């Protein structure tokens, strides 16, 4: 066994031992250990909802401009259809507080 192998083995043992001690320390605390995962879930809930809304409104918006150019009297009805996907962001915002 060479010196390099011994050093690598010792470093591996020390690394695994330190994670074992860290696990015991975290388990001794009574706080919530999943705060980071909860924050990621909240970010994904709002971020993906906003991304879906942007994608839907981009497609609807281009159609809205073409339809409004043909018949400007229907702009109010078409604007309602354009704002409908915005409810996805509201649902994502609601999920952010429910998580």
Protein backbone atom coordinates (compact mmCIF):
# COMPACT_ATOMS: atom_id res chain seq x y z
CA UNK A 1 0.00 0.00 0.00
CA UNK A 2 1.57 3.28 -1.11
CA UNK A 3 1.57 6.52 0.86
CA UNK A 4 -0.90 8.09 -1.57
CA UNK A 5 -3.38 5.29 -1.03
CA UNK A 6 -3.01 5.57 2.75
CA UNK A 7 -3.62 9.32 2.64
CA UNK A 8 -6.66 8.92 0.39
CA UNK A 9 -8.07 6.20 2.66
CA UNK A 10 -7.52 8.31 5.77
CA UNK A 11 -9.20 11.32 4.14
CA UNK A 12 -12.17 9.16 3.15
CA UNK A 13 -12.53 7.78 6.68
CA UNK A 14 -12.33 11.27 8.21
CA UNK A 15 -14.87 12.63 5.72
CA UNK A 16 -17.33 9.84 6.47
CA UNK A 17 -16.80 10.18 10.21
CA UNK A 18 -17.48 13.92 10.12
CA UNK A 19 -20.74 13.41 8.24
CA UNK A 20 -21.77 10.82 10.81
CA UNK A 21 -21.17 13.30 13.62
CA UNK A 22 -23.07 15.95 11.70
CA UNK A 23 -26.04 13.63 11.35
CA UNK A 24 -26.17 13.08 15.09
CA UNK A 25 -25.98 16.81 15.77
CA UNK A 26 -28.83 17.58 13.37
CA UNK A 27 -30.96 14.76 14.77
CA UNK A 28 -30.50 16.13 18.30
CA UNK A 29 -32.04 19.46 17.30
CA UNK A 30 -35.81 19.65 17.46
CA UNK A 31 -36.11 22.15 14.60
CA UNK A 32 -37.40 21.40 11.12
CA UNK A 33 -34.58 19.88 9.06
CA UNK A 34 -36.33 20.39 5.71
CA UNK A 35 -36.27 24.19 5.54
CA UNK A 36 -34.11 24.21 2.42
CA UNK A 37 -36.36 21.77 0.59
CA UNK A 38 -39.41 23.79 1.58
CA UNK A 39 -37.82 26.94 0.16
CA UNK A 40 -37.02 25.13 -3.10
CA UNK A 41 -40.62 23.90 -3.30
CA UNK A 42 -41.96 27.41 -2.79
CA UNK A 43 -39.68 28.80 -5.46
CA UNK A 44 -40.67 26.09 -7.91
CA UNK A 45 -44.38 26.62 -7.21
CA UNK A 46 -44.25 30.30 -8.05
CA UNK A 47 -41.55 30.10 -10.72
CA UNK A 48 -43.15 27.35 -12.78
CA UNK A 49 -46.56 29.00 -12.50
CA UNK A 50 -45.11 32.26 -13.81
CA UNK A 51 -43.26 30.44 -16.58
CA UNK A 52 -46.44 28.68 -17.71
CA UNK A 53 -48.36 31.94 -17.64
CA UNK A 54 -45.76 33.72 -19.72
CA UNK A 55 -45.74 30.94 -22.28
CA UNK A 56 -49.55 30.90 -22.53
CA UNK A 57 -49.85 34.67 -22.74
CA UNK A 58 -47.22 34.90 -25.45
CA UNK A 59 -49.23 32.60 -27.69
CA UNK A 60 -52.55 34.22 -26.83
CA UNK A 61 -51.12 37.71 -27.24
CA UNK A 62 -49.99 37.16 -30.79
CA UNK A 63 -53.44 35.85 -31.71
CA UNK A 64 -55.08 38.74 -29.88
CA UNK A 65 -53.22 41.33 -31.91
CA UNK A 66 -54.28 39.68 -35.17
CA UNK A 67 -57.92 39.39 -34.09
CA UNK A 68 -58.03 42.98 -32.79
CA UNK A 69 -56.59 44.22 -36.08
CA UNK A 70 -59.46 42.60 -37.97
CA UNK A 71 -62.28 43.66 -35.61
CA UNK A 72 -61.43 46.31 -32.97
CA UNK A 73 -64.92 46.06 -31.41
CA UNK A 74 -64.05 42.67 -29.87
CA UNK A 75 -61.01 43.96 -27.99
CA UNK A 76 -62.73 43.78 -24.57
CA UNK A 77 -63.68 40.13 -24.99
CA UNK A 78 -60.27 39.25 -26.31
CA UNK A 79 -58.57 41.02 -23.41
CA UNK A 80 -60.48 38.83 -20.98
CA UNK A 81 -59.16 35.74 -22.76
CA UNK A 82 -55.65 37.21 -22.60
CA UNK A 83 -55.87 37.72 -18.82
CA UNK A 84 -57.28 34.25 -18.10
CA UNK A 85 -53.87 32.49 -17.81
CA UNK A 86 -52.90 34.99 -15.11
CA UNK A 87 -54.86 32.78 -12.70
CA UNK A 88 -51.95 30.30 -12.93
CA UNK A 89 -49.72 32.80 -11.15
CA UNK A 90 -52.40 33.36 -8.52
CA UNK A 91 -52.59 29.60 -7.93
CA UNK A 92 -48.79 29.43 -7.73
CA UNK A 93 -48.77 32.29 -5.24
CA UNK A 94 -51.42 30.48 -3.21
CA UNK A 95 -49.34 27.29 -3.27
CA UNK A 96 -46.37 29.32 -2.05
CA UNK A 97 -48.22 30.15 1.15
CA UNK A 98 -49.76 26.69 1.57
CA UNK A 99 -46.42 24.88 1.47
